[in-house]
Amino acid sequence: MNRFFRNYSTTRALEFGALVLLCFGFTSCSERGPDQTAGSISSPIDSLEAAILEAPNTPEPYHARAQYMASQNNPQGAFEDWGLALKADSAFAPAWENRIDMLYRMQNMEACLEELNACIRYAPESTPCLMRRAEFNIHLNQFERAFGDLNQALRINDQLHEAYWMKGKIYASNGDTEKAISSLQTAIEVNPSFFDGFISLGLFMAELGDPIAEEFYRSAIELRPFSVEAHYNLAMFLQEEQRLDDALAEYREILALDSSNATASFNQGYIHLEYYAQYDSASFWFTEAIQRLPYYHQAFFNRGLARESLGDRTGAIADYSEALRIKPDYTVAALAKDRALKAN
């Protein structure tokens, strides 16, 4: 599977439903009329339970209480209330969607898939359920089933940018480059603020050796100027294109955004070592990488190469030895150490 793939899942809390407290016709939970006493409604939960008593056979009051439970860090109570909402109306999609989201974030995938199938059976217009099941099928390499869910979701709502994005994943995995590009481009046309879409297109076009990848990375950076991911992808592309000074500038930008980023230091060292033959600078940047990540065996090995090129065989041997201590089966370090020992 190509490296531009990413999970459809996001970090939004309860992505299928905002934590909104509904009072269902009652006076606002935070306000009282002039004729109300302080004890008439003692807590938000009282108004929610009153709404349930008033309409026990409808799903909305249970859904509202579930949202409140979730906002109070009571996931079990929320999950049970969404179950009650579904007993009242099995076609009530928000309850399915929130239960599925909760199970997904708990990594209970078997139960999650069972609820997804139930959601689509009872609430077939739920695009979040269709999208989530498509994601499952992509991970299982069941692409025909994934296409079925995605196409059904798009028939319901043709503005689902993530559905086009996921179809692009499938086409790319199947080697259909033209359709992959078309689907990914449709995703960002539908949603010009879709950061992951620009990143995916950049990675995919970079793999094809197409210089337009740079434009997609720069568009992603415009959307999220402080994204280390976007700057790193651009830096790697520039490095592969032999635009080394530009790549170094991007790595320095990464360190300005994230001073602990060991890879940005390592890659600068690599450029100075392999392309510029500036061994002092290479040694400096590998040292910076090691300071940020003390078990970075590749940095020790490459600093050993830089030191060996500077004539510091003792330092080189020490670095090769440390690389081997961290990774005993590191063959290139063992060969380099043997070479340096014989040269002494």
Protein backbone atom coordinates (compact mmCIF):
# COMPACT_ATOMS: atom_id res chain seq x y z
CA MET A 1 0.00 0.00 0.00
CA ASN A 2 1.43 3.39 -0.99
CA ARG A 3 2.86 5.68 1.65
CA PHE A 4 0.36 8.45 1.01
CA PHE A 5 -2.45 6.43 2.57
CA ARG A 6 -3.93 7.68 5.80
CA ASN A 7 -6.80 6.60 8.01
CA TYR A 8 -10.18 8.16 7.43
CA SER A 9 -10.52 8.38 11.23
CA THR A 10 -9.80 11.78 12.73
CA THR A 11 -9.14 13.04 16.25
CA ARG A 12 -12.42 14.89 16.53
CA ALA A 13 -14.13 14.05 19.80
CA LEU A 14 -17.47 12.39 19.07
CA GLU A 15 -17.09 13.25 15.41
CA PHE A 16 -20.63 12.20 14.54
CA GLY A 17 -22.32 14.48 17.04
CA ALA A 18 -21.48 17.71 18.81
CA LEU A 19 -21.81 17.69 22.57
CA VAL A 20 -24.84 19.91 22.64
CA LEU A 21 -27.15 19.87 25.64
CA LEU A 22 -30.74 19.98 24.44
CA CYS A 23 -33.42 21.01 26.91
CA PHE A 24 -36.35 19.93 24.71
CA GLY A 25 -38.74 22.80 25.26
CA PHE A 26 -37.77 23.44 28.83
CA THR A 27 -36.39 26.77 30.02
CA SER A 28 -32.71 27.11 29.26
CA CYS A 29 -30.60 25.03 31.59
CA SER A 30 -28.55 28.08 32.55
CA GLU A 31 -31.46 30.51 32.95
CA ARG A 32 -34.58 30.66 35.10
CA GLY A 33 -37.72 32.64 34.65
CA PRO A 34 -38.70 35.14 37.31
CA ASP A 35 -41.21 32.75 38.85
CA GLN A 36 -38.79 29.83 39.20
CA THR A 37 -37.10 28.95 42.44
CA ALA A 38 -33.51 27.85 42.68
CA GLY A 39 -34.62 24.31 43.42
CA SER A 40 -37.06 23.87 40.53
CA ILE A 41 -34.37 22.31 38.33
CA SER A 42 -31.40 21.25 40.41
CA SER A 43 -29.12 20.06 37.59
CA PRO A 44 -28.99 19.64 33.80
CA ILE A 45 -29.62 15.93 34.17
CA ASP A 46 -33.00 16.66 35.80
CA SER A 47 -34.29 18.44 32.70
CA LEU A 48 -32.97 15.67 30.48
CA GLU A 49 -34.67 12.98 32.52
CA ALA A 50 -37.87 15.03 32.57
CA ALA A 51 -37.75 15.12 28.77
CA ILE A 52 -37.36 11.32 28.71
CA LEU A 53 -40.37 10.87 31.00
CA GLU A 54 -42.39 13.14 28.76
CA ALA A 55 -41.49 11.27 25.54
CA PRO A 56 -40.13 7.83 26.51
CA ASN A 57 -40.80 6.28 23.10
CA THR A 58 -38.78 8.79 21.06
CA PRO A 59 -34.99 8.63 20.58
CA GLU A 60 -34.09 12.31 20.88
CA PRO A 61 -34.28 12.64 24.71
CA TYR A 62 -32.04 9.58 25.20
CA HIS A 63 -29.63 10.96 22.60
CA ALA A 64 -29.49 14.29 24.43
CA ARG A 65 -28.75 12.58 27.74
CA ALA A 66 -26.10 10.44 26.05
CA GLN A 67 -24.40 13.57 24.74
CA TYR A 68 -24.46 15.04 28.23
CA MET A 69 -23.04 11.83 29.70
CA ALA A 70 -20.24 11.91 27.15
CA SER A 71 -19.47 15.53 28.00
CA GLN A 72 -19.21 14.48 31.67
CA ASN A 73 -16.68 11.72 30.88
CA ASN A 74 -19.21 8.95 31.38
CA PRO A 75 -18.82 6.92 28.18
CA GLN A 76 -20.60 3.86 29.58
CA GLY A 77 -23.67 5.91 30.44
CA ALA A 78 -23.57 7.56 27.02
CA PHE A 79 -23.26 4.22 25.24
CA GLU A 80 -26.23 2.80 27.16
CA ASP A 81 -28.38 5.84 26.45
CA TRP A 82 -27.65 5.59 22.73
CA GLY A 83 -28.77 1.98 23.03
CA LEU A 84 -32.04 3.18 24.57
CA ALA A 85 -32.44 5.67 21.73
CA LEU A 86 -32.14 2.77 19.27
CA LYS A 87 -34.72 0.75 21.18
CA ALA A 88 -37.06 3.67 20.71
CA ASP A 89 -36.20 3.98 17.01
CA SER A 90 -33.78 1.58 15.34
CA ALA A 91 -33.45 3.96 12.37
CA PHE A 92 -32.10 6.81 14.52
CA ALA A 93 -28.72 7.24 12.81
CA PRO A 94 -26.98 9.58 15.34
CA ALA A 95 -27.15 6.88 18.01
CA TRP A 96 -25.57 4.28 15.73
CA GLU A 97 -22.92 6.74 14.61
CA ASN A 98 -21.90 7.74 18.12
CA ARG A 99 -21.80 4.18 19.42
CA ILE A 100 -19.66 3.17 16.44
CA ASP A 101 -17.33 6.11 16.97
CA MET A 102 -16.92 5.17 20.62
CA LEU A 103 -16.18 1.52 19.82
CA TYR A 104 -13.73 2.58 17.10
CA ARG A 105 -11.77 4.79 19.47
CA MET A 106 -11.74 1.97 22.02
CA GLN A 107 -10.26 -0.29 19.28
CA ASN A 108 -13.10 -2.77 19.72
CA MET A 109 -13.16 -3.50 16.02
CA GLU A 110 -15.30 -6.62 16.05
CA ALA A 111 -18.16 -4.91 17.89
CA CYS A 112 -17.63 -1.79 15.78
CA LEU A 113 -18.11 -3.74 12.54
CA GLU A 114 -21.22 -5.45 13.89
CA GLU A 115 -22.76 -2.07 14.73
CA LEU A 116 -21.74 -0.69 11.35
CA ASN A 117 -23.62 -3.46 9.60
CA ALA A 118 -26.63 -2.83 11.83
CA CYS A 119 -26.47 0.91 11.20
CA ILE A 120 -26.48 0.46 7.44
CA ARG A 121 -29.30 -2.08 7.68
CA TYR A 122 -31.56 0.12 9.82
CA ALA A 123 -30.35 3.60 8.78
CA PRO A 124 -29.13 3.16 5.18
CA GLU A 125 -28.89 6.94 4.64
CA SER A 126 -26.14 7.29 7.26
CA THR A 127 -23.10 8.40 5.27
CA PRO A 128 -20.78 8.28 8.33
CA CYS A 129 -21.57 4.58 8.75
CA LEU A 130 -21.03 3.91 5.07
CA MET A 131 -17.72 5.76 5.15
CA ARG A 132 -16.50 3.95 8.25
CA ARG A 133 -17.41 0.54 6.83
CA ALA A 134 -15.62 1.45 3.61
CA GLU A 135 -12.54 2.20 5.69
CA PHE A 136 -12.75 -1.24 7.30
CA ASN A 137 -13.01 -2.87 3.89
CA ILE A 138 -10.01 -0.93 2.57
CA HIS A 139 -7.91 -2.18 5.47
CA LEU A 140 -9.10 -5.72 4.71
CA ASN A 141 -8.28 -5.26 0.98
CA GLN A 142 -11.94 -5.87 0.18
CA PHE A 143 -12.00 -3.09 -2.37
CA GLU A 144 -15.20 -4.05 -4.19
CA ARG A 145 -17.14 -3.81 -0.94
CA ALA A 146 -15.47 -0.52 -0.11
CA PHE A 147 -16.40 0.88 -3.51
CA GLY A 148 -20.00 -0.19 -2.91
CA ASP A 149 -20.19 1.72 0.37
CA LEU A 150 -18.43 4.79 -0.99
CA ASN A 151 -20.60 4.97 -4.09
CA GLN A 152 -23.72 4.61 -1.96
CA ALA A 153 -22.51 7.43 0.30
CA LEU A 154 -21.84 9.64 -2.71
CA ARG A 155 -25.31 8.96 -4.11
CA ILE A 156 -26.66 10.35 -0.86
CA ASN A 157 -24.23 13.28 -0.74
CA ASP A 158 -21.91 13.99 -3.67
CA GLN A 159 -19.93 16.53 -1.64
CA LEU A 160 -18.23 13.97 0.61
CA HIS A 161 -14.62 14.87 -0.13
CA GLU A 162 -13.25 12.02 2.00
CA ALA A 163 -15.21 9.50 -0.08
CA TYR A 164 -13.40 10.63 -3.24
CA TRP A 165 -10.13 10.54 -1.28
CA MET A 166 -10.75 6.97 -0.18
CA LYS A 167 -11.63 5.95 -3.74
CA GLY A 168 -8.30 7.46 -4.76
CA LYS A 169 -6.61 5.17 -2.24
CA ILE A 170 -8.24 2.13 -3.77
CA TYR A 171 -7.37 3.09 -7.34
CA ALA A 172 -3.77 3.76 -6.33
CA SER A 173 -3.52 0.40 -4.57
CA ASN A 174 -4.84 -1.28 -7.72
CA GLY A 175 -2.33 0.57 -9.91
CA ASP A 176 -4.94 2.67 -11.69
CA THR A 177 -2.93 5.89 -11.72
CA GLU A 178 -5.30 7.96 -13.85
CA LYS A 179 -8.36 7.26 -11.73
CA ALA A 180 -6.37 7.65 -8.51
CA ILE A 181 -5.26 11.15 -9.51
CA SER A 182 -8.76 12.06 -10.71
CA SER A 183 -10.38 10.96 -7.45
CA LEU A 184 -7.81 12.70 -5.26
CA GLN A 185 -8.15 15.89 -7.28
CA THR A 186 -11.93 15.73 -6.96
CA ALA A 187 -11.51 15.50 -3.18
CA ILE A 188 -9.64 18.81 -3.01
CA GLU A 189 -11.95 20.43 -5.55
CA VAL A 190 -14.93 19.56 -3.37
CA ASN A 191 -13.09 20.77 -0.28
CA PRO A 192 -10.22 23.19 -1.05
CA SER A 193 -9.30 23.16 2.67
CA PHE A 194 -8.73 19.40 2.74
CA PHE A 195 -5.17 19.24 4.08
CA ASP A 196 -4.81 15.45 3.87
CA GLY A 197 -5.97 15.56 0.26
CA PHE A 198 -3.12 17.87 -0.73
CA ILE A 199 -0.62 15.77 1.22
CA SER A 200 -1.87 12.58 -0.44
CA LEU A 201 -1.65 14.10 -3.89
CA GLY A 202 1.85 15.39 -3.16
CA LEU A 203 3.06 11.99 -2.02
CA PHE A 204 1.43 10.20 -4.93
CA MET A 205 2.77 12.59 -7.56
CA ALA A 206 6.22 12.50 -5.95
CA GLU A 207 6.21 8.71 -6.28
CA LEU A 208 5.47 9.20 -9.97
CA GLY A 209 8.34 11.67 -10.28
CA ASP A 210 5.96 14.48 -11.23
CA PRO A 211 7.23 17.93 -10.17
CA ILE A 212 3.66 19.10 -9.56
CA ALA A 213 4.02 17.37 -6.18
CA GLU A 214 5.72 20.52 -4.92
CA GLU A 215 2.59 22.58 -5.62
CA PHE A 216 0.44 20.21 -3.58
CA TYR A 217 2.87 20.30 -0.65
CA ARG A 218 3.00 24.08 -0.75
CA SER A 219 -0.80 24.23 -0.82
CA ALA A 220 -0.85 22.03 2.27
CA ILE A 221 1.62 24.38 3.96
CA GLU A 222 -0.61 27.34 3.12
CA LEU A 223 -3.45 25.56 4.89
CA ARG A 224 -1.30 24.60 7.90
CA PRO A 225 1.87 26.71 8.01
CA PHE A 226 3.06 25.02 11.21
CA SER A 227 2.63 21.45 9.99
CA VAL A 228 5.90 19.58 10.36
CA GLU A 229 4.47 16.82 8.16
CA ALA A 230 3.89 19.15 5.21
CA HIS A 231 7.31 20.80 5.51
CA TYR A 232 9.03 17.41 5.85
CA ASN A 233 7.33 15.98 2.77
CA LEU A 234 8.34 19.05 0.80
CA ALA A 235 11.92 18.84 2.10
CA MET A 236 12.21 15.19 1.09
CA PHE A 237 10.84 15.96 -2.35
CA LEU A 238 13.33 18.80 -2.81
CA GLN A 239 16.16 16.54 -1.63
CA GLU A 240 15.17 13.82 -4.09
CA GLU A 241 15.05 16.47 -6.83
CA GLN A 242 18.63 17.48 -5.93
CA ARG A 243 17.48 20.96 -4.88
CA LEU A 244 19.64 20.62 -1.85
CA ASP A 245 19.83 24.21 -0.60
CA ASP A 246 16.04 24.44 -0.74
CA ALA A 247 15.77 21.14 1.11
CA LEU A 248 18.16 22.36 3.81
CA ALA A 249 16.05 25.49 4.23
CA GLU A 250 12.97 23.35 4.78
CA TYR A 251 14.77 21.19 7.36
CA ARG A 252 15.80 24.34 9.20
CA GLU A 253 12.16 25.45 9.11
CA ILE A 254 11.16 22.13 10.65
CA LEU A 255 13.62 22.64 13.49
CA ALA A 256 12.21 26.11 14.05
CA LEU A 257 8.76 24.51 14.39
CA ASP A 258 9.94 21.48 16.35
CA SER A 259 13.35 21.84 17.97
CA SER A 260 13.30 18.17 19.04
CA ASN A 261 13.01 16.83 15.49
CA ALA A 262 15.93 14.43 15.10
CA THR A 263 15.19 13.47 11.51
CA ALA A 264 15.47 17.05 10.25
CA SER A 265 18.93 17.21 11.81
CA PHE A 266 19.92 13.81 10.42
CA ASN A 267 18.85 14.68 6.89
CA GLN A 268 20.92 17.84 6.95
CA GLY A 269 23.87 15.77 8.01
CA TYR A 270 23.19 13.32 5.19
CA ILE A 271 23.13 16.09 2.58
CA HIS A 272 26.42 17.51 3.82
CA LEU A 273 27.96 14.03 3.89
CA GLU A 274 26.72 12.49 0.66
CA TYR A 275 26.27 15.47 -1.64
CA TYR A 276 28.53 18.26 -0.44
CA ALA A 277 31.36 16.19 1.12
CA GLN A 278 31.39 18.75 3.94
CA TYR A 279 32.36 16.34 6.68
CA ASP A 280 32.62 18.84 9.54
CA SER A 281 29.08 20.06 8.87
CA ALA A 282 27.89 16.48 8.46
CA SER A 283 29.40 15.50 11.80
CA PHE A 284 27.78 18.54 13.44
CA TRP A 285 24.29 17.67 12.20
CA PHE A 286 24.57 13.98 13.06
CA THR A 287 25.60 15.04 16.56
CA GLU A 288 22.52 17.27 16.69
CA ALA A 289 20.39 14.29 15.69
CA ILE A 290 21.95 12.12 18.39
CA GLN A 291 21.33 14.76 21.03
CA ARG A 292 17.67 14.75 20.08
CA LEU A 293 17.45 10.95 19.79
CA PRO A 294 20.21 9.17 21.74
CA TYR A 295 19.43 5.72 20.29
CA TYR A 296 19.55 6.92 16.67
CA HIS A 297 21.85 4.17 15.38
CA GLN A 298 21.87 5.52 11.80
CA ALA A 299 23.12 8.86 13.09
CA PHE A 300 26.00 7.19 14.93
CA PHE A 301 26.90 5.20 11.84
CA ASN A 302 26.83 8.23 9.54
CA ARG A 303 28.76 10.36 12.00
CA GLY A 304 31.31 7.55 12.00
CA LEU A 305 31.57 7.88 8.23
CA ALA A 306 32.03 11.63 8.51
CA ARG A 307 34.71 11.24 11.20
CA GLU A 308 36.47 8.57 9.20
CA SER A 309 36.54 10.91 6.19
CA LEU A 310 38.06 13.57 8.45
CA GLY A 311 40.81 11.14 9.48
CA ASP A 312 39.39 10.61 12.98
CA ARG A 313 39.41 6.81 12.97
CA THR A 314 39.22 6.56 16.76
CA GLY A 315 36.04 8.64 16.80
CA ALA A 316 34.69 6.68 13.85
CA ILE A 317 35.30 3.34 15.57
CA ALA A 318 33.57 4.64 18.69
CA ASP A 319 30.54 5.65 16.61
CA TYR A 320 30.39 2.35 14.74
CA SER A 321 30.62 0.52 18.06
CA GLU A 322 27.77 2.56 19.52
CA ALA A 323 25.63 1.91 16.45
CA LEU A 324 26.26 -1.81 16.91
CA ARG A 325 25.50 -1.64 20.63
CA ILE A 326 22.11 -0.14 19.80
CA LYS A 327 21.50 -2.48 16.84
CA PRO A 328 23.73 -5.56 17.06
CA ASP A 329 22.71 -6.86 13.60
CA TYR A 330 23.62 -3.56 11.87
CA THR A 331 25.79 -5.15 9.16
CA VAL A 332 27.03 -1.97 7.45
CA ALA A 333 28.28 -0.65 10.81
CA ALA A 334 30.10 -3.91 11.50
CA LEU A 335 31.81 -3.77 8.10
CA ALA A 336 32.72 -0.12 8.57
CA LYS A 337 34.16 -0.81 12.02
CA ASP A 338 36.23 -3.69 10.68
CA ARG A 339 37.54 -1.48 7.89
CA ALA A 340 38.47 1.31 10.31
CA LEU A 341 40.20 -1.10 12.69
CA LYS A 342 42.31 -2.53 9.87
CA ALA A 343 43.26 0.95 8.72
CA ASN A 344 44.61 1.88 12.18
